[in-house]
Protein backbone atom coordinates (compact mmCIF):
# COMPACT_ATOMS: atom_id res chain seq x y z
CA UNK A 1 -67.21 37.39 70.20
CA UNK A 2 -65.22 37.94 73.38
CA UNK A 3 -63.85 35.02 75.35
CA UNK A 4 -62.64 34.91 78.91
CA UNK A 5 -59.46 32.89 79.33
CA UNK A 6 -58.69 31.19 82.63
CA UNK A 7 -55.34 29.79 83.74
CA UNK A 8 -56.05 26.37 82.19
CA UNK A 9 -56.83 28.03 78.83
CA UNK A 10 -53.57 29.96 79.07
CA UNK A 11 -51.65 26.75 79.84
CA UNK A 12 -53.23 25.10 76.81
CA UNK A 13 -52.29 28.06 74.63
CA UNK A 14 -48.69 28.03 75.89
CA UNK A 15 -48.43 24.34 75.04
CA UNK A 16 -49.93 24.85 71.57
CA UNK A 17 -47.55 27.74 70.88
CA UNK A 18 -44.63 25.43 71.62
CA UNK A 19 -45.94 22.39 69.78
CA UNK A 20 -49.19 22.74 67.84
CA UNK A 21 -49.10 19.11 66.76
CA UNK A 22 -49.21 17.66 70.29
CA UNK A 23 -52.17 15.31 70.66
CA UNK A 24 -55.16 16.21 72.83
CA UNK A 25 -54.48 13.47 75.38
CA UNK A 26 -50.96 14.78 76.06
CA UNK A 27 -52.18 18.38 76.32
CA UNK A 28 -54.99 17.32 78.64
CA UNK A 29 -52.56 15.42 80.88
CA UNK A 30 -50.24 18.44 81.11
CA UNK A 31 -53.06 20.78 82.19
CA UNK A 32 -54.90 18.30 84.44
CA UNK A 33 -57.99 17.66 82.31
CA UNK A 34 -59.44 14.67 80.55
CA UNK A 35 -59.61 14.46 76.75
CA UNK A 36 -63.11 15.83 76.15
CA UNK A 37 -62.99 18.99 78.32
CA UNK A 38 -59.58 19.82 76.88
CA UNK A 39 -60.84 19.34 73.32
CA UNK A 40 -63.88 21.53 74.09
CA UNK A 41 -61.66 24.35 75.38
CA UNK A 42 -59.43 24.20 72.29
CA UNK A 43 -62.49 24.10 69.99
CA UNK A 44 -63.97 27.13 71.82
CA UNK A 45 -60.70 29.05 71.39
CA UNK A 46 -60.67 28.17 67.67
CA UNK A 47 -64.30 29.19 67.22
CA UNK A 48 -63.80 32.51 69.03
CA UNK A 49 -60.70 33.40 66.99
CA UNK A 50 -58.24 33.22 69.91
CA UNK A 51 -56.51 30.44 67.97
CA UNK A 52 -56.25 31.71 64.40
CA UNK A 53 -54.52 28.71 62.87
CA UNK A 54 -52.08 25.93 63.60
CA UNK A 55 -49.06 25.99 61.31
CA UNK A 56 -45.71 24.35 60.81
CA UNK A 57 -42.74 26.71 61.35
CA UNK A 58 -39.95 26.06 58.85
CA UNK A 59 -36.22 26.67 59.18
CA UNK A 60 -35.65 29.37 56.54
CA UNK A 61 -31.95 28.56 56.16
CA UNK A 62 -32.58 24.85 55.57
CA UNK A 63 -35.12 25.60 52.83
CA UNK A 64 -32.79 28.11 51.16
CA UNK A 65 -34.61 31.31 52.11
CA UNK A 66 -32.22 32.81 54.60
CA UNK A 67 -31.99 36.43 53.41
CA UNK A 68 -34.27 38.70 55.45
CA UNK A 69 -34.76 42.32 54.50
CA UNK A 70 -36.67 44.93 56.46
CA UNK A 71 -38.14 47.54 54.14
CA UNK A 72 -39.36 50.89 55.39
CA UNK A 73 -41.80 52.19 52.82
CA UNK A 74 -43.57 55.49 52.26
CA UNK A 75 -46.54 55.90 49.93
CA UNK A 76 -46.78 58.75 47.45
CA UNK A 77 -50.29 59.63 48.67
CA UNK A 78 -52.27 58.96 51.82
CA UNK A 79 -55.92 58.65 50.82
CA UNK A 80 -57.98 55.81 52.29
CA UNK A 81 -58.22 54.31 48.82
CA UNK A 82 -54.42 54.39 48.37
CA UNK A 83 -53.80 52.79 51.76
CA UNK A 84 -56.41 50.07 51.16
CA UNK A 85 -55.09 49.37 47.67
CA UNK A 86 -51.50 49.06 48.87
CA UNK A 87 -52.40 46.85 51.84
CA UNK A 88 -54.55 44.54 49.73
CA UNK A 89 -51.79 44.22 47.12
CA UNK A 90 -49.14 43.20 49.67
CA UNK A 91 -51.12 40.04 50.40
CA UNK A 92 -50.39 38.72 46.90
CA UNK A 93 -46.59 38.98 47.23
CA UNK A 94 -45.35 35.76 48.87
CA UNK A 95 -41.93 37.25 49.68
CA UNK A 96 -43.63 39.72 52.05
CA UNK A 97 -43.79 37.79 55.30
CA UNK A 98 -45.07 40.63 57.45
CA UNK A 99 -46.48 44.09 56.82
CA UNK A 100 -47.13 46.69 59.50
CA UNK A 101 -48.51 50.20 59.36
CA UNK A 102 -46.13 52.51 61.18
CA UNK A 103 -46.11 55.84 62.92
CA UNK A 104 -43.33 58.28 62.19
CA UNK A 105 -41.34 58.89 59.01
CA UNK A 106 -42.48 55.79 57.10
CA UNK A 107 -45.94 54.42 56.44
CA UNK A 108 -45.14 50.69 56.42
CA UNK A 109 -42.56 48.19 57.56
CA UNK A 110 -42.25 45.02 55.48
CA UNK A 111 -40.27 41.90 56.26
CA UNK A 112 -39.17 40.26 53.03
CA UNK A 113 -37.62 36.78 52.82
CA UNK A 114 -35.72 35.57 49.73
CA UNK A 115 -32.89 33.19 48.85
CA UNK A 116 -30.31 35.69 47.54
CA UNK A 117 -29.63 39.39 47.17
CA UNK A 118 -30.26 38.97 43.42
CA UNK A 119 -33.70 37.53 44.26
CA UNK A 120 -34.38 40.59 46.38
CA UNK A 121 -33.44 42.84 43.47
CA UNK A 122 -35.92 40.93 41.28
CA UNK A 123 -38.57 41.21 43.97
CA UNK A 124 -38.03 44.97 44.26
CA UNK A 125 -38.16 45.59 40.51
CA UNK A 126 -40.85 43.07 39.63
CA UNK A 127 -43.13 43.22 42.66
CA UNK A 128 -42.50 45.86 45.32
CA UNK A 129 -42.17 48.82 42.97
CA UNK A 130 -45.28 47.57 41.17
CA UNK A 131 -47.41 47.84 44.31
CA UNK A 132 -49.84 50.76 44.14
CA UNK A 133 -48.70 54.16 45.43
CA UNK A 134 -45.15 53.18 46.44
CA UNK A 135 -43.21 56.41 46.86
CA UNK A 136 -39.98 55.63 48.68
CA UNK A 137 -38.33 52.47 50.00
CA UNK A 138 -35.46 52.07 52.44
CA UNK A 139 -34.06 48.51 52.73
CA UNK A 140 -32.10 47.04 55.63
CA UNK A 141 -30.58 43.55 55.35
CA UNK A 142 -30.52 41.39 58.47
CA UNK A 143 -27.04 40.02 59.12
CA UNK A 144 -28.17 37.24 61.45
CA UNK A 145 -31.30 36.15 63.25
CA UNK A 146 -31.03 36.25 67.02
CA UNK A 147 -34.66 35.59 67.93
CA UNK A 148 -37.71 34.80 65.82
CA UNK A 149 -40.68 33.76 67.89
CA UNK A 150 -44.35 33.56 67.07
CA UNK A 151 -45.25 32.70 70.69
CA UNK A 152 -47.12 35.48 72.49
CA UNK A 153 -45.96 36.18 76.08
CA UNK A 154 -49.13 34.91 77.77
């Protein structure tokens, strides 16, 4: 289902990306609509999949999960079954925050978040190396986070 977004829709989306818990009346006032038309637009964007979910973004350092590791990973085989099996399995590892298929030397890029380097070691041995068809991994530890945004540049 395709949806056409006008400037008011884009304004609503920008507001929701900044503060998903803002009430409908405040959003409507900011975009120049009344409550009901604003609610209808948001509902339409939910129903069409433009808005996937509304979540609460946590401060990883304050909850004790401030070690981020970027893992470049290559599979030992490249059949459709192997790729599907690996991708499906990553969804069950909570430490994997993001997983991307890649072009170039590696097949996947994972972003892992843990509390300590020791926790990462446990995650590697107990989870990552247990994923199907893992051939080679190359880990890079983030020293500090400069920017981490989930807001799309709309």
